[in-house]
Amino acid sequence: MGDKITDFKGVARQIADLLAKGEQNNLVAVTLKGKGRGFYYSMIDKKPVKVPRKGEYYLLPFEKDDQDRMYIFSNYIFYSGLILLVPWEEIIIIGDN
């Protein structure tokens, strides 16, 4: 924790590969509060993107950003993934993967 990540696309691709292979990992599974879809800032697209709140997400072990948002990974986009910034109060912890 504490490291500044700049290659979000590369990190997302590595996580997507890890999950696709079914390899053991220490990522914590989460979902988002609410129903339907929500807009969250994508670190890869550099803009808000619309994603399903009840999708498959993983909390990343990075420090919160300066607006107190957490980094989460989504394999919403096949084989490449997304890294989103989500307010902590909108995250529901499901458990360890």
Protein backbone atom coordinates (compact mmCIF):
# COMPACT_ATOMS: atom_id res chain seq x y z
CA MET A 1 0.00 0.00 0.00
CA GLY A 2 1.03 3.56 -0.44
CA ASP A 3 2.62 3.06 -3.87
CA LYS A 4 1.48 5.43 -6.59
CA ILE A 5 0.16 3.52 -9.59
CA THR A 6 0.40 5.13 -13.00
CA ASP A 7 -0.13 2.19 -15.39
CA PHE A 8 -3.74 1.40 -14.53
CA LYS A 9 -4.35 -0.35 -17.85
CA GLY A 10 -1.41 -2.70 -17.20
CA VAL A 11 -2.54 -3.42 -13.63
CA ALA A 12 -6.09 -4.13 -14.82
CA ARG A 13 -4.82 -6.51 -17.50
CA GLN A 14 -2.68 -8.40 -14.95
CA ILE A 15 -5.61 -8.77 -12.54
CA ALA A 16 -7.95 -9.88 -15.35
CA ASP A 17 -5.42 -12.53 -16.39
CA LEU A 18 -5.02 -13.73 -12.80
CA LEU A 19 -8.79 -14.07 -12.35
CA ALA A 20 -9.28 -15.73 -15.75
CA LYS A 21 -6.72 -18.41 -14.84
CA GLY A 22 -8.49 -19.03 -11.53
CA GLU A 23 -5.25 -18.53 -9.62
CA GLN A 24 -5.26 -17.97 -5.86
CA ASN A 25 -5.18 -14.29 -4.92
CA ASN A 26 -5.71 -12.05 -1.91
CA LEU A 27 -8.27 -9.71 -3.45
CA VAL A 28 -11.37 -8.92 -1.39
CA ALA A 29 -14.65 -9.33 -3.28
CA VAL A 30 -17.01 -6.35 -3.06
CA THR A 31 -20.22 -5.08 -4.58
CA LEU A 32 -21.71 -1.59 -4.71
CA LYS A 33 -24.69 -0.26 -2.77
CA GLY A 34 -27.87 0.56 -4.63
CA LYS A 35 -29.72 -0.89 -7.57
CA GLY A 36 -29.30 -0.63 -11.31
CA ARG A 37 -26.25 1.16 -12.69
CA GLY A 38 -24.06 3.93 -11.38
CA PHE A 39 -21.38 6.25 -12.73
CA TYR A 40 -17.87 5.89 -11.29
CA TYR A 41 -14.58 7.40 -12.38
CA SER A 42 -12.52 5.02 -14.53
CA MET A 43 -8.76 5.38 -14.06
CA ILE A 44 -8.21 3.86 -17.51
CA ASP A 45 -10.78 5.90 -19.45
CA LYS A 46 -10.11 9.06 -17.41
CA LYS A 47 -13.85 9.77 -17.17
CA PRO A 48 -16.94 8.46 -15.38
CA VAL A 49 -18.31 5.22 -16.79
CA LYS A 50 -21.67 3.55 -16.21
CA VAL A 51 -21.40 0.12 -14.54
CA PRO A 52 -23.82 -2.29 -12.84
CA ARG A 53 -23.82 -1.83 -9.05
CA LYS A 54 -24.26 -5.56 -8.45
CA GLY A 55 -21.33 -6.54 -10.66
CA GLU A 56 -18.23 -8.54 -9.72
CA TYR A 57 -15.66 -6.20 -8.13
CA TYR A 58 -12.46 -6.54 -6.11
CA LEU A 59 -11.03 -4.04 -3.64
CA LEU A 60 -7.46 -3.15 -4.57
CA PRO A 61 -4.78 -2.71 -1.89
CA PHE A 62 -4.05 0.93 -2.77
CA GLU A 63 -4.38 3.98 -0.54
CA LYS A 64 -7.53 6.09 -0.94
CA ASP A 65 -7.31 8.99 -3.34
CA ASP A 66 -7.46 12.62 -2.20
CA GLN A 67 -11.30 12.53 -2.32
CA ASP A 68 -11.47 9.50 0.02
CA ARG A 69 -12.39 7.08 -2.77
CA MET A 70 -11.17 3.47 -2.95
CA TYR A 71 -9.78 1.71 -6.00
CA ILE A 72 -11.75 -1.32 -7.15
CA PHE A 73 -11.23 -3.67 -10.08
CA SER A 74 -14.00 -4.88 -12.37
CA ASN A 75 -13.71 -7.42 -15.14
CA TYR A 76 -16.73 -5.68 -16.70
CA ILE A 77 -14.80 -5.23 -19.96
CA PHE A 78 -13.79 -8.69 -21.17
CA TYR A 79 -10.06 -9.44 -20.86
CA SER A 80 -8.97 -5.92 -19.98
CA GLY A 81 -10.90 -4.87 -16.89
CA LEU A 82 -11.56 -1.52 -15.30
CA ILE A 83 -10.13 0.21 -12.27
CA LEU A 84 -12.74 2.46 -10.72
CA LEU A 85 -12.69 5.04 -7.95
CA VAL A 86 -15.63 4.48 -5.60
CA PRO A 87 -16.54 6.28 -2.35
CA TRP A 88 -15.90 3.97 0.62
CA GLU A 89 -19.49 4.39 1.87
CA GLU A 90 -20.82 2.85 -1.39
CA ILE A 91 -18.75 -0.36 -1.09
CA ILE A 92 -20.13 -3.56 0.44
CA ILE A 93 -17.51 -6.15 1.45
CA ILE A 94 -18.51 -9.65 0.31
CA GLY A 95 -15.37 -11.45 1.46
CA ASP A 96 -12.00 -12.87 0.49
CA ASN A 97 -11.64 -14.44 -2.93
